[in-house]
N, C-alpha and C. Protein backbone atom coordinates (compact mmCIF):
# COMPACT_ATOMS: atom_id res chain seq x y z
N UNK A 1 38.04 30.93 -43.57
CA UNK A 1 38.05 30.13 -42.37
C UNK A 1 36.60 29.81 -41.88
N UNK A 2 36.31 28.60 -41.63
CA UNK A 2 34.95 28.25 -41.25
C UNK A 2 34.92 28.09 -39.73
N UNK A 3 33.78 28.46 -39.20
CA UNK A 3 33.59 28.32 -37.76
C UNK A 3 32.58 27.14 -37.51
N UNK A 4 33.02 26.15 -36.70
CA UNK A 4 32.21 25.04 -36.43
C UNK A 4 31.08 25.45 -35.50
N UNK A 5 29.87 25.09 -35.77
CA UNK A 5 28.75 25.41 -34.95
C UNK A 5 28.76 24.41 -33.77
N UNK A 6 28.15 24.89 -32.70
CA UNK A 6 28.07 24.03 -31.49
C UNK A 6 27.16 22.87 -31.77
N UNK A 7 27.44 21.68 -31.27
CA UNK A 7 26.60 20.53 -31.53
C UNK A 7 25.18 20.74 -30.94
N UNK A 8 24.22 20.33 -31.76
CA UNK A 8 22.82 20.49 -31.34
C UNK A 8 22.49 19.42 -30.27
N UNK A 9 21.97 19.86 -29.13
CA UNK A 9 21.60 18.85 -28.09
C UNK A 9 20.59 17.83 -28.68
N UNK A 10 20.78 16.59 -28.31
CA UNK A 10 19.89 15.52 -28.79
C UNK A 10 18.47 15.78 -28.15
N UNK A 11 17.47 15.66 -28.95
CA UNK A 11 16.15 15.91 -28.47
C UNK A 11 15.69 14.63 -27.73
N UNK A 12 15.12 14.80 -26.61
CA UNK A 12 14.69 13.74 -25.75
C UNK A 12 13.14 13.84 -25.53
N UNK A 13 12.53 12.77 -25.60
CA UNK A 13 11.04 12.81 -25.34
C UNK A 13 10.89 12.62 -23.79
N UNK A 14 10.07 13.52 -23.30
CA UNK A 14 9.85 13.54 -21.87
C UNK A 14 8.72 12.61 -21.42
N UNK A 15 8.84 11.98 -20.34
CA UNK A 15 7.79 11.17 -19.80
C UNK A 15 6.68 11.94 -19.33
N UNK A 16 5.54 11.77 -19.85
CA UNK A 16 4.33 12.53 -19.42
C UNK A 16 3.58 11.70 -18.36
N UNK A 17 2.70 12.31 -17.66
CA UNK A 17 2.03 11.60 -16.54
C UNK A 17 1.01 10.54 -17.12
N UNK A 18 0.48 10.72 -18.30
CA UNK A 18 -0.47 9.82 -18.87
C UNK A 18 0.09 9.04 -20.03
N UNK A 19 1.34 9.19 -20.37
CA UNK A 19 1.86 8.43 -21.49
C UNK A 19 3.27 8.71 -21.70
N UNK A 20 3.72 8.69 -22.92
CA UNK A 20 5.13 9.01 -23.20
C UNK A 20 5.99 7.66 -23.09
N UNK A 21 7.25 7.89 -23.27
CA UNK A 21 8.16 6.76 -23.28
C UNK A 21 8.35 6.17 -21.89
N UNK A 22 8.82 4.93 -21.90
CA UNK A 22 9.11 4.34 -20.56
C UNK A 22 10.57 4.61 -20.20
N UNK A 23 10.83 4.52 -18.98
CA UNK A 23 12.21 4.74 -18.49
C UNK A 23 12.51 3.93 -17.30
N UNK A 24 13.72 3.85 -16.81
CA UNK A 24 14.04 3.00 -15.66
C UNK A 24 13.26 3.35 -14.40
N UNK A 25 13.12 2.34 -13.51
CA UNK A 25 12.29 2.50 -12.32
C UNK A 25 12.99 3.08 -11.08
N UNK A 26 14.33 3.41 -11.21
CA UNK A 26 15.05 3.76 -10.02
C UNK A 26 14.55 4.96 -9.30
N UNK A 27 14.18 5.99 -9.99
CA UNK A 27 13.68 7.19 -9.34
C UNK A 27 12.33 6.99 -8.67
N UNK A 28 11.50 6.14 -9.31
CA UNK A 28 10.09 5.87 -8.74
C UNK A 28 10.29 5.01 -7.49
N UNK A 29 11.18 4.15 -7.44
CA UNK A 29 11.51 3.32 -6.26
C UNK A 29 12.07 4.13 -5.13
N UNK A 30 12.99 5.03 -5.41
CA UNK A 30 13.53 5.88 -4.42
C UNK A 30 12.50 6.84 -3.76
N UNK A 31 11.60 7.40 -4.66
CA UNK A 31 10.55 8.31 -4.19
C UNK A 31 9.62 7.54 -3.31
N UNK A 32 9.17 6.31 -3.74
CA UNK A 32 8.27 5.49 -3.00
C UNK A 32 8.83 5.09 -1.63
N UNK A 33 10.12 4.70 -1.56
CA UNK A 33 10.72 4.37 -0.29
C UNK A 33 10.60 5.55 0.64
N UNK A 34 10.79 6.82 0.09
CA UNK A 34 10.74 7.97 0.96
C UNK A 34 9.33 8.18 1.55
N UNK A 35 8.30 7.93 0.71
CA UNK A 35 6.94 8.12 1.15
C UNK A 35 6.62 7.08 2.25
N UNK A 36 7.03 5.87 2.02
CA UNK A 36 6.79 4.84 3.01
C UNK A 36 7.46 5.16 4.37
N UNK A 37 8.70 5.65 4.32
CA UNK A 37 9.41 6.03 5.48
C UNK A 37 8.73 7.16 6.28
N UNK A 38 8.27 8.14 5.51
CA UNK A 38 7.45 9.27 6.19
C UNK A 38 6.21 8.80 6.79
N UNK A 39 5.45 7.97 6.09
CA UNK A 39 4.21 7.46 6.61
C UNK A 39 4.42 6.68 7.87
N UNK A 40 5.40 5.84 7.93
CA UNK A 40 5.63 4.98 9.10
C UNK A 40 6.12 5.78 10.23
N UNK A 41 6.79 6.97 9.88
CA UNK A 41 7.24 7.90 10.99
C UNK A 41 6.06 8.69 11.61
N UNK A 42 5.12 9.02 10.77
CA UNK A 42 3.98 9.82 11.22
C UNK A 42 3.14 9.08 12.28
N UNK A 43 3.25 7.75 12.32
CA UNK A 43 2.46 6.98 13.27
C UNK A 43 2.75 7.35 14.70
N UNK A 44 3.93 7.75 14.96
CA UNK A 44 4.35 8.06 16.35
C UNK A 44 3.75 9.47 16.78
N UNK A 45 3.37 10.25 15.89
CA UNK A 45 2.86 11.62 16.25
C UNK A 45 1.54 11.51 17.02
N UNK A 46 0.82 10.34 16.84
CA UNK A 46 -0.41 10.21 17.53
C UNK A 46 -0.20 9.82 19.06
N UNK A 47 1.01 9.53 19.42
CA UNK A 47 1.37 9.14 20.78
C UNK A 47 1.75 10.40 21.57
N UNK A 48 0.87 10.77 22.54
CA UNK A 48 1.18 11.93 23.30
C UNK A 48 1.04 11.56 24.84
N UNK A 49 1.53 12.47 25.71
CA UNK A 49 1.30 12.31 27.07
C UNK A 49 1.26 13.73 27.72
N UNK A 50 0.36 13.91 28.68
CA UNK A 50 0.23 15.29 29.27
C UNK A 50 1.50 15.72 29.98
N UNK A 51 1.72 16.98 30.01
CA UNK A 51 2.87 17.50 30.76
C UNK A 51 2.40 17.88 32.17
N UNK A 52 3.46 18.04 33.03
CA UNK A 52 3.22 18.42 34.37
C UNK A 52 2.70 17.38 35.25
N UNK A 53 2.94 16.04 34.93
CA UNK A 53 2.50 14.97 35.70
C UNK A 53 3.43 14.68 36.92
N UNK A 54 2.89 14.23 38.00
CA UNK A 54 3.75 13.72 39.11
C UNK A 54 4.28 12.36 38.72
N UNK A 55 5.29 11.91 39.58
CA UNK A 55 5.83 10.61 39.27
C UNK A 55 4.82 9.48 39.36
N UNK A 56 3.84 9.57 40.23
CA UNK A 56 2.89 8.50 40.34
C UNK A 56 1.85 8.53 39.22
N UNK A 57 1.76 9.64 38.49
CA UNK A 57 0.79 9.77 37.40
C UNK A 57 1.33 9.45 36.04
N UNK A 58 2.65 9.30 35.89
CA UNK A 58 3.24 9.02 34.59
C UNK A 58 2.82 7.63 34.06
N UNK A 59 2.98 6.58 34.86
CA UNK A 59 2.66 5.29 34.38
C UNK A 59 1.22 5.05 34.04
N UNK A 60 0.21 5.60 34.85
CA UNK A 60 -1.13 5.55 34.45
C UNK A 60 -1.43 6.26 33.09
N UNK A 61 -0.73 7.34 32.93
CA UNK A 61 -0.89 8.11 31.66
C UNK A 61 -0.38 7.28 30.50
N UNK A 62 0.73 6.56 30.69
CA UNK A 62 1.27 5.75 29.67
C UNK A 62 0.30 4.62 29.34
N UNK A 63 -0.27 4.00 30.34
CA UNK A 63 -1.24 2.92 30.18
C UNK A 63 -2.44 3.41 29.37
N UNK A 64 -2.84 4.69 29.62
CA UNK A 64 -4.00 5.20 28.86
C UNK A 64 -3.66 5.25 27.33
N UNK A 65 -2.44 5.23 26.94
CA UNK A 65 -2.08 5.29 25.58
C UNK A 65 -2.14 3.89 24.94
N UNK A 66 -2.59 2.89 25.71
CA UNK A 66 -2.54 1.52 25.25
C UNK A 66 -3.22 1.35 23.82
N UNK A 67 -4.49 1.88 23.65
CA UNK A 67 -5.11 1.74 22.34
C UNK A 67 -4.26 2.41 21.19
N UNK A 68 -3.72 3.46 21.54
CA UNK A 68 -2.88 4.22 20.49
C UNK A 68 -1.66 3.33 20.17
N UNK A 69 -1.01 2.77 21.18
CA UNK A 69 0.17 1.85 20.93
C UNK A 69 -0.25 0.68 20.03
N UNK A 70 -1.39 0.13 20.36
CA UNK A 70 -1.84 -1.01 19.62
C UNK A 70 -2.17 -0.74 18.17
N UNK A 71 -2.88 0.42 17.93
CA UNK A 71 -3.26 0.75 16.51
C UNK A 71 -2.07 1.18 15.73
N UNK A 72 -1.14 1.88 16.43
CA UNK A 72 0.14 2.30 15.78
C UNK A 72 0.88 1.06 15.45
N UNK A 73 0.94 0.14 16.32
CA UNK A 73 1.67 -1.14 16.05
C UNK A 73 1.15 -1.90 14.81
N UNK A 74 -0.18 -2.02 14.79
CA UNK A 74 -0.85 -2.68 13.69
C UNK A 74 -0.48 -1.98 12.39
N UNK A 75 -0.61 -0.61 12.35
CA UNK A 75 -0.34 0.13 11.18
C UNK A 75 1.13 0.06 10.77
N UNK A 76 1.98 0.07 11.74
CA UNK A 76 3.45 -0.09 11.50
C UNK A 76 3.70 -1.40 10.77
N UNK A 77 3.10 -2.48 11.21
CA UNK A 77 3.23 -3.72 10.55
C UNK A 77 2.67 -3.73 9.18
N UNK A 78 1.44 -3.14 9.02
CA UNK A 78 0.81 -3.04 7.70
C UNK A 78 1.66 -2.29 6.68
N UNK A 79 2.16 -1.10 7.17
CA UNK A 79 2.93 -0.26 6.18
C UNK A 79 4.18 -1.03 5.94
N UNK A 80 4.83 -1.69 6.89
CA UNK A 80 6.08 -2.44 6.66
C UNK A 80 5.77 -3.57 5.61
N UNK A 81 4.71 -4.26 5.73
CA UNK A 81 4.35 -5.38 4.79
C UNK A 81 4.14 -4.81 3.44
N UNK A 82 3.45 -3.65 3.31
CA UNK A 82 3.21 -3.11 1.96
C UNK A 82 4.50 -2.52 1.35
N UNK A 83 5.38 -2.04 2.24
CA UNK A 83 6.68 -1.66 1.71
C UNK A 83 7.45 -2.84 1.10
N UNK A 84 7.40 -4.00 1.85
CA UNK A 84 8.05 -5.18 1.35
C UNK A 84 7.39 -5.69 0.07
N UNK A 85 6.07 -5.56 0.02
CA UNK A 85 5.38 -6.00 -1.19
C UNK A 85 5.64 -5.08 -2.38
N UNK A 86 5.74 -3.78 -2.08
CA UNK A 86 6.14 -2.85 -3.18
C UNK A 86 7.52 -3.14 -3.67
N UNK A 87 8.41 -3.37 -2.74
CA UNK A 87 9.84 -3.78 -3.12
C UNK A 87 9.81 -5.01 -3.98
N UNK A 88 9.06 -5.96 -3.56
CA UNK A 88 8.97 -7.27 -4.32
C UNK A 88 8.44 -7.03 -5.74
N UNK A 89 7.44 -6.16 -5.83
CA UNK A 89 6.84 -5.91 -7.17
C UNK A 89 7.87 -5.26 -8.12
N UNK A 90 8.66 -4.32 -7.51
CA UNK A 90 9.61 -3.64 -8.37
C UNK A 90 10.91 -4.43 -8.58
N UNK A 91 11.03 -5.62 -7.98
CA UNK A 91 12.08 -6.54 -8.42
C UNK A 91 11.88 -6.99 -9.86
N UNK A 92 10.62 -6.97 -10.29
CA UNK A 92 10.21 -7.49 -11.61
C UNK A 92 9.85 -6.37 -12.56
N UNK A 93 9.76 -5.09 -12.01
CA UNK A 93 9.44 -3.97 -12.91
C UNK A 93 10.73 -3.28 -13.27
N UNK A 94 11.08 -3.28 -14.53
CA UNK A 94 12.28 -2.59 -14.85
C UNK A 94 12.14 -1.31 -15.60
N UNK A 95 10.89 -1.00 -15.99
CA UNK A 95 10.60 0.24 -16.62
C UNK A 95 9.28 0.81 -16.13
N UNK A 96 9.12 2.10 -16.15
CA UNK A 96 7.90 2.81 -15.72
C UNK A 96 7.43 3.74 -16.88
N UNK A 97 6.12 3.91 -16.95
CA UNK A 97 5.56 4.91 -17.80
C UNK A 97 4.47 5.67 -17.10
N UNK A 98 3.79 6.54 -17.85
CA UNK A 98 2.86 7.46 -17.19
C UNK A 98 1.72 6.76 -16.42
N UNK A 99 1.05 5.83 -17.00
CA UNK A 99 -0.08 5.11 -16.23
C UNK A 99 0.44 4.37 -15.03
N UNK A 100 1.65 3.78 -15.13
CA UNK A 100 2.14 3.08 -13.93
C UNK A 100 2.51 4.08 -12.82
N UNK A 101 3.02 5.25 -13.21
CA UNK A 101 3.31 6.37 -12.21
C UNK A 101 2.01 6.81 -11.51
N UNK A 102 0.92 6.94 -12.30
CA UNK A 102 -0.30 7.35 -11.72
C UNK A 102 -0.82 6.37 -10.64
N UNK A 103 -0.80 5.10 -11.03
CA UNK A 103 -1.28 4.02 -10.04
C UNK A 103 -0.40 3.96 -8.87
N UNK A 104 0.93 4.14 -9.08
CA UNK A 104 1.89 4.09 -7.96
C UNK A 104 1.65 5.30 -6.98
N UNK A 105 1.40 6.42 -7.53
CA UNK A 105 1.02 7.61 -6.71
C UNK A 105 -0.28 7.37 -5.95
N UNK A 106 -1.24 6.75 -6.55
CA UNK A 106 -2.50 6.49 -5.85
C UNK A 106 -2.27 5.46 -4.69
N UNK A 107 -1.40 4.50 -4.96
CA UNK A 107 -1.03 3.55 -3.88
C UNK A 107 -0.36 4.21 -2.74
N UNK A 108 0.60 5.10 -3.05
CA UNK A 108 1.35 5.82 -2.06
C UNK A 108 0.39 6.78 -1.26
N UNK A 109 -0.63 7.35 -1.95
CA UNK A 109 -1.61 8.24 -1.29
C UNK A 109 -2.28 7.48 -0.16
N UNK A 110 -2.65 6.26 -0.39
CA UNK A 110 -3.34 5.46 0.69
C UNK A 110 -2.34 5.19 1.77
N UNK A 111 -1.11 4.97 1.52
CA UNK A 111 -0.12 4.70 2.56
C UNK A 111 0.08 5.89 3.48
N UNK A 112 0.26 7.08 2.82
CA UNK A 112 0.53 8.27 3.60
C UNK A 112 -0.73 8.74 4.33
N UNK A 113 -1.84 8.29 3.92
CA UNK A 113 -3.12 8.66 4.60
C UNK A 113 -3.39 7.80 5.79
N UNK A 114 -2.82 6.57 5.89
CA UNK A 114 -3.09 5.62 6.89
C UNK A 114 -2.91 6.07 8.29
N UNK A 115 -1.93 6.99 8.66
CA UNK A 115 -1.79 7.47 10.02
C UNK A 115 -3.10 8.08 10.54
N UNK A 116 -3.92 8.70 9.70
CA UNK A 116 -5.15 9.38 10.12
C UNK A 116 -6.16 8.31 10.55
N UNK A 117 -6.59 7.32 9.76
CA UNK A 117 -7.46 6.32 10.31
C UNK A 117 -6.93 5.56 11.46
N UNK A 118 -5.59 5.49 11.50
CA UNK A 118 -4.98 4.83 12.70
C UNK A 118 -5.29 5.58 13.96
N UNK A 119 -5.18 6.95 13.91
CA UNK A 119 -5.56 7.80 15.02
C UNK A 119 -7.03 7.65 15.38
N UNK A 120 -7.94 7.59 14.42
CA UNK A 120 -9.32 7.58 14.63
C UNK A 120 -9.68 6.20 15.27
N UNK A 121 -8.97 5.19 14.81
CA UNK A 121 -9.19 3.81 15.40
C UNK A 121 -8.71 3.72 16.83
N UNK A 122 -7.63 4.40 17.18
CA UNK A 122 -7.15 4.46 18.57
C UNK A 122 -8.14 5.14 19.45
N UNK A 123 -8.78 6.18 19.00
CA UNK A 123 -9.67 6.95 19.85
C UNK A 123 -11.12 6.40 19.92
N UNK A 124 -11.48 5.83 18.76
CA UNK A 124 -12.94 5.32 18.70
C UNK A 124 -12.97 3.92 18.11
N UNK A 125 -12.11 3.03 18.65
CA UNK A 125 -11.99 1.75 18.03
C UNK A 125 -13.12 0.83 18.13
N UNK A 126 -14.14 1.17 19.04
CA UNK A 126 -15.33 0.33 19.16
C UNK A 126 -16.52 0.86 18.36
N UNK A 127 -16.25 1.79 17.45
CA UNK A 127 -17.35 2.35 16.66
C UNK A 127 -17.26 1.83 15.21
N UNK A 128 -18.45 1.81 14.56
CA UNK A 128 -18.54 1.39 13.18
C UNK A 128 -17.74 2.35 12.24
N UNK A 129 -17.84 3.61 12.51
CA UNK A 129 -17.12 4.60 11.64
C UNK A 129 -15.65 4.41 11.65
N UNK A 130 -15.10 4.30 12.84
CA UNK A 130 -13.60 4.13 12.95
C UNK A 130 -13.10 2.88 12.25
N UNK A 131 -13.82 1.72 12.54
CA UNK A 131 -13.42 0.46 11.96
C UNK A 131 -13.57 0.42 10.45
N UNK A 132 -14.64 1.10 9.97
CA UNK A 132 -14.96 1.13 8.53
C UNK A 132 -13.96 1.94 7.83
N UNK A 133 -13.57 3.11 8.42
CA UNK A 133 -12.60 3.98 7.81
C UNK A 133 -11.29 3.26 7.63
N UNK A 134 -10.85 2.64 8.67
CA UNK A 134 -9.60 1.88 8.68
C UNK A 134 -9.60 0.76 7.63
N UNK A 135 -10.69 -0.04 7.64
CA UNK A 135 -10.80 -1.16 6.70
C UNK A 135 -10.92 -0.69 5.33
N UNK A 136 -11.70 0.39 5.01
CA UNK A 136 -11.82 0.92 3.70
C UNK A 136 -10.49 1.40 3.20
N UNK A 137 -9.72 2.11 4.01
CA UNK A 137 -8.40 2.56 3.63
C UNK A 137 -7.49 1.44 3.16
N UNK A 138 -7.47 0.35 3.93
CA UNK A 138 -6.61 -0.80 3.63
C UNK A 138 -7.14 -1.60 2.42
N UNK A 139 -8.47 -1.55 2.20
CA UNK A 139 -9.08 -2.16 1.05
C UNK A 139 -8.56 -1.47 -0.20
N UNK A 140 -8.58 -0.16 -0.22
CA UNK A 140 -8.01 0.61 -1.36
C UNK A 140 -6.55 0.46 -1.54
N UNK A 141 -5.88 0.35 -0.35
CA UNK A 141 -4.40 0.23 -0.48
C UNK A 141 -4.07 -1.19 -1.13
N UNK A 142 -4.84 -2.19 -0.75
CA UNK A 142 -4.55 -3.51 -1.36
C UNK A 142 -4.91 -3.56 -2.85
N UNK A 143 -6.02 -2.86 -3.17
CA UNK A 143 -6.50 -2.86 -4.59
C UNK A 143 -5.52 -2.12 -5.43
N UNK A 144 -4.98 -0.97 -4.98
CA UNK A 144 -4.06 -0.19 -5.80
C UNK A 144 -2.72 -0.97 -5.94
N UNK A 145 -2.33 -1.79 -4.90
CA UNK A 145 -1.16 -2.58 -5.11
C UNK A 145 -1.33 -3.62 -6.14
N UNK A 146 -2.58 -4.26 -6.18
CA UNK A 146 -2.82 -5.23 -7.18
C UNK A 146 -2.93 -4.64 -8.62
N UNK A 147 -3.53 -3.42 -8.67
CA UNK A 147 -3.57 -2.77 -9.97
C UNK A 147 -2.23 -2.33 -10.45
N UNK A 148 -1.36 -1.91 -9.51
CA UNK A 148 0.03 -1.58 -9.88
C UNK A 148 0.72 -2.73 -10.63
N UNK A 149 0.50 -3.99 -10.05
CA UNK A 149 1.15 -5.09 -10.62
C UNK A 149 0.47 -5.42 -12.03
N UNK A 150 -0.85 -5.36 -12.08
CA UNK A 150 -1.55 -5.64 -13.34
C UNK A 150 -1.15 -4.66 -14.41
N UNK A 151 -0.99 -3.37 -14.11
CA UNK A 151 -0.56 -2.40 -15.09
C UNK A 151 0.78 -2.71 -15.62
N UNK A 152 1.66 -3.04 -14.70
CA UNK A 152 3.09 -3.39 -15.06
C UNK A 152 3.11 -4.54 -16.06
N UNK A 153 2.34 -5.48 -15.73
CA UNK A 153 2.33 -6.75 -16.60
C UNK A 153 1.68 -6.45 -17.92
N UNK A 154 0.52 -5.81 -17.97
CA UNK A 154 -0.20 -5.60 -19.22
C UNK A 154 0.42 -4.65 -20.17
N UNK A 155 1.27 -3.77 -19.59
CA UNK A 155 1.95 -2.68 -20.34
C UNK A 155 3.36 -3.15 -20.69
N UNK A 156 3.71 -4.41 -20.35
CA UNK A 156 4.97 -5.01 -20.66
C UNK A 156 6.13 -4.20 -20.11
N UNK A 157 5.99 -3.83 -18.87
CA UNK A 157 7.04 -3.08 -18.12
C UNK A 157 7.89 -3.97 -17.27
N UNK A 158 7.66 -5.22 -17.18
CA UNK A 158 8.33 -6.14 -16.35
C UNK A 158 9.57 -6.72 -17.00
N UNK A 159 10.38 -7.40 -16.27
CA UNK A 159 11.58 -7.99 -16.87
C UNK A 159 11.18 -9.00 -18.00
N UNK A 160 12.04 -9.13 -18.95
CA UNK A 160 11.73 -10.05 -20.05
C UNK A 160 11.66 -11.51 -19.54
N UNK A 161 10.80 -12.26 -20.16
CA UNK A 161 10.73 -13.69 -19.86
C UNK A 161 10.00 -14.03 -18.56
N UNK A 162 9.28 -13.10 -17.98
CA UNK A 162 8.54 -13.39 -16.77
C UNK A 162 7.43 -14.36 -17.03
N UNK A 163 7.34 -15.40 -16.26
CA UNK A 163 6.34 -16.44 -16.42
C UNK A 163 4.98 -15.96 -16.25
N UNK A 164 4.02 -16.24 -17.24
CA UNK A 164 2.71 -15.76 -17.09
C UNK A 164 1.98 -16.30 -15.86
N UNK A 165 2.20 -17.59 -15.48
CA UNK A 165 1.59 -18.09 -14.32
C UNK A 165 2.04 -17.42 -13.08
N UNK A 166 3.30 -16.94 -13.04
CA UNK A 166 3.81 -16.15 -11.94
C UNK A 166 3.08 -14.90 -11.83
N UNK A 167 2.84 -14.25 -12.96
CA UNK A 167 2.12 -13.00 -12.99
C UNK A 167 0.69 -13.18 -12.39
N UNK A 168 0.02 -14.21 -12.71
CA UNK A 168 -1.35 -14.45 -12.21
C UNK A 168 -1.31 -14.71 -10.74
N UNK A 169 -0.34 -15.60 -10.27
CA UNK A 169 -0.25 -15.96 -8.84
C UNK A 169 0.09 -14.71 -8.03
N UNK A 170 0.94 -13.94 -8.58
CA UNK A 170 1.32 -12.62 -7.80
C UNK A 170 0.05 -11.71 -7.72
N UNK A 171 -0.70 -11.60 -8.74
CA UNK A 171 -1.88 -10.78 -8.70
C UNK A 171 -2.88 -11.27 -7.76
N UNK A 172 -3.11 -12.60 -7.77
CA UNK A 172 -3.96 -13.26 -6.80
C UNK A 172 -3.56 -13.03 -5.36
N UNK A 173 -2.29 -13.18 -5.11
CA UNK A 173 -1.78 -12.92 -3.77
C UNK A 173 -1.97 -11.56 -3.24
N UNK A 174 -1.96 -10.50 -4.17
CA UNK A 174 -2.17 -9.18 -3.75
C UNK A 174 -3.68 -8.89 -3.55
N UNK A 175 -4.53 -9.75 -3.99
CA UNK A 175 -5.99 -9.51 -3.83
C UNK A 175 -6.55 -10.05 -2.49
N UNK A 176 -5.81 -10.95 -1.87
CA UNK A 176 -6.26 -11.55 -0.65
C UNK A 176 -6.66 -10.50 0.49
N UNK A 177 -5.65 -9.65 0.78
CA UNK A 177 -5.84 -8.71 1.90
C UNK A 177 -7.00 -7.70 1.68
N UNK A 178 -7.15 -7.08 0.44
CA UNK A 178 -8.29 -6.22 0.23
C UNK A 178 -9.60 -6.95 0.34
N UNK A 179 -9.65 -8.20 -0.06
CA UNK A 179 -10.88 -8.97 0.04
C UNK A 179 -11.26 -9.11 1.54
N UNK A 180 -10.32 -9.48 2.39
CA UNK A 180 -10.57 -9.64 3.89
C UNK A 180 -11.04 -8.36 4.49
N UNK A 181 -10.38 -7.28 4.15
CA UNK A 181 -10.75 -5.97 4.79
C UNK A 181 -12.10 -5.48 4.28
N UNK A 182 -12.41 -5.74 3.03
CA UNK A 182 -13.74 -5.30 2.52
C UNK A 182 -14.84 -6.19 3.18
N UNK A 183 -14.61 -7.42 3.39
CA UNK A 183 -15.59 -8.21 4.11
C UNK A 183 -15.81 -7.77 5.55
N UNK A 184 -14.68 -7.30 6.13
CA UNK A 184 -14.81 -6.82 7.53
C UNK A 184 -15.69 -5.62 7.64
N UNK A 185 -15.82 -4.83 6.58
CA UNK A 185 -16.73 -3.70 6.67
C UNK A 185 -18.18 -4.21 6.87
N UNK A 186 -18.55 -5.27 6.16
CA UNK A 186 -19.85 -5.90 6.39
C UNK A 186 -20.04 -6.37 7.77
N UNK A 187 -18.94 -7.03 8.37
CA UNK A 187 -19.00 -7.52 9.69
C UNK A 187 -19.19 -6.38 10.69
N UNK A 188 -18.58 -5.24 10.39
CA UNK A 188 -18.64 -4.11 11.32
C UNK A 188 -20.00 -3.54 11.46
N UNK A 189 -20.88 -3.78 10.51
CA UNK A 189 -22.27 -3.30 10.62
C UNK A 189 -22.99 -4.09 11.73
N UNK A 190 -22.56 -5.24 12.10
CA UNK A 190 -23.08 -6.05 13.12
C UNK A 190 -22.30 -5.88 14.44
N UNK A 191 -21.00 -5.94 14.37
CA UNK A 191 -20.10 -5.85 15.50
C UNK A 191 -18.78 -5.36 15.11
N UNK A 192 -18.42 -4.11 15.40
CA UNK A 192 -17.15 -3.51 15.03
C UNK A 192 -15.95 -4.23 15.70
N UNK A 193 -16.06 -4.75 16.92
CA UNK A 193 -14.98 -5.36 17.54
C UNK A 193 -14.60 -6.77 16.85
N UNK A 194 -15.65 -7.49 16.48
CA UNK A 194 -15.44 -8.70 15.79
C UNK A 194 -14.85 -8.49 14.44
N UNK A 195 -15.20 -7.36 13.77
CA UNK A 195 -14.66 -6.98 12.49
C UNK A 195 -13.15 -6.81 12.56
N UNK A 196 -12.69 -6.22 13.69
CA UNK A 196 -11.25 -6.10 13.81
C UNK A 196 -10.52 -7.37 13.94
N UNK A 197 -11.14 -8.34 14.60
CA UNK A 197 -10.52 -9.64 14.69
C UNK A 197 -10.38 -10.39 13.39
N UNK A 198 -11.32 -10.02 12.47
CA UNK A 198 -11.30 -10.69 11.14
C UNK A 198 -10.03 -10.27 10.35
N UNK A 199 -9.45 -9.11 10.72
CA UNK A 199 -8.25 -8.61 9.97
C UNK A 199 -7.14 -9.62 10.12
N UNK A 200 -7.10 -10.37 11.27
CA UNK A 200 -6.00 -11.35 11.42
C UNK A 200 -6.01 -12.39 10.32
N UNK A 201 -7.12 -12.60 9.65
CA UNK A 201 -7.17 -13.61 8.62
C UNK A 201 -6.28 -13.19 7.40
N UNK A 202 -5.86 -11.96 7.34
CA UNK A 202 -5.00 -11.61 6.21
C UNK A 202 -3.59 -12.25 6.36
N UNK A 203 -3.28 -12.83 7.48
CA UNK A 203 -2.06 -13.54 7.63
C UNK A 203 -2.22 -14.98 7.12
N UNK A 204 -3.43 -15.41 6.92
CA UNK A 204 -3.65 -16.74 6.42
C UNK A 204 -4.74 -16.69 5.32
N UNK A 205 -4.36 -15.95 4.21
CA UNK A 205 -5.26 -15.72 3.18
C UNK A 205 -5.13 -16.65 1.97
N UNK A 206 -4.40 -17.75 2.20
CA UNK A 206 -4.18 -18.69 1.08
C UNK A 206 -5.47 -19.23 0.43
N UNK A 207 -6.53 -19.53 1.19
CA UNK A 207 -7.76 -19.93 0.46
C UNK A 207 -8.31 -18.91 -0.45
N UNK A 208 -8.29 -17.63 -0.08
CA UNK A 208 -8.71 -16.60 -0.88
C UNK A 208 -7.85 -16.30 -2.13
N UNK A 209 -6.57 -16.34 -1.97
CA UNK A 209 -5.65 -16.22 -3.05
C UNK A 209 -5.77 -17.31 -4.04
N UNK A 210 -5.99 -18.53 -3.46
CA UNK A 210 -6.13 -19.71 -4.38
C UNK A 210 -7.39 -19.58 -5.17
N UNK A 211 -8.50 -19.08 -4.57
CA UNK A 211 -9.77 -18.91 -5.32
C UNK A 211 -9.58 -17.83 -6.39
N UNK A 212 -8.98 -16.71 -6.04
CA UNK A 212 -8.74 -15.67 -7.04
C UNK A 212 -7.89 -16.10 -8.15
N UNK A 213 -6.84 -16.86 -7.79
CA UNK A 213 -5.99 -17.40 -8.84
C UNK A 213 -6.77 -18.33 -9.80
N UNK A 214 -7.57 -19.09 -9.28
CA UNK A 214 -8.43 -20.06 -10.11
C UNK A 214 -9.31 -19.26 -11.09
N UNK A 215 -9.94 -18.26 -10.53
CA UNK A 215 -10.79 -17.37 -11.36
C UNK A 215 -10.05 -16.69 -12.42
N UNK A 216 -8.88 -16.13 -12.13
CA UNK A 216 -8.07 -15.46 -13.18
C UNK A 216 -7.56 -16.49 -14.24
N UNK A 217 -7.21 -17.64 -13.86
CA UNK A 217 -6.78 -18.62 -14.83
C UNK A 217 -7.93 -19.04 -15.78
N UNK A 218 -9.09 -19.20 -15.15
CA UNK A 218 -10.30 -19.57 -15.95
C UNK A 218 -10.66 -18.47 -16.91
N UNK A 219 -10.61 -17.22 -16.47
CA UNK A 219 -10.97 -16.09 -17.38
C UNK A 219 -10.01 -15.90 -18.46
N UNK A 220 -8.68 -16.31 -18.15
CA UNK A 220 -7.60 -16.16 -19.22
C UNK A 220 -7.79 -17.24 -20.25
N UNK A 221 -8.27 -18.42 -19.86
CA UNK A 221 -8.40 -19.50 -20.76
C UNK A 221 -9.63 -19.41 -21.66
N UNK A 222 -10.61 -18.55 -21.27
CA UNK A 222 -11.78 -18.37 -22.07
C UNK A 222 -11.58 -17.16 -22.90
């Protein structure tokens, strides 16, 4: 009488942080959504009000939080936009590998760090240090978002048949915001308040994205 041996478990290659096989993007997307949600929630922790106030002192105390409300509102919008951008990127990314995970973590690190420069900006918004810290953080955030897309495209992790021109245009679009925020750092050396107004240009960055797209197409053709 022969005894059947138990089936040997199939060997699976594990995804390593710097290489290894590619796998579906579902877990990375779920983790990223959680990080965005935490970061956007942390913004409210900077809003405080003293205890023991009389009725007539409550409203003036709320008014004093005006700069914090403003900076938190700006960062809320920024994080929301980058969450939407991240979601849009992963509409076309169907596989992830180690290098993509590293870049994604770097991008998420800038997102989860943003509540701190937001708090500094609320307290010292008219200083070069506060404006530069905020602008530098969002410069890195934008650059990591662009690198994330570039890595996905160059490592062939996107959906099959993705148009190359669309890849270039998407990359150019992601470069507009970091260019504006990096330029604002130079403006802050002269006038920090004016530098903050330049951030509004990120809502109308088509000339910059068009220029970046032209450069990328020229470099690809040569």
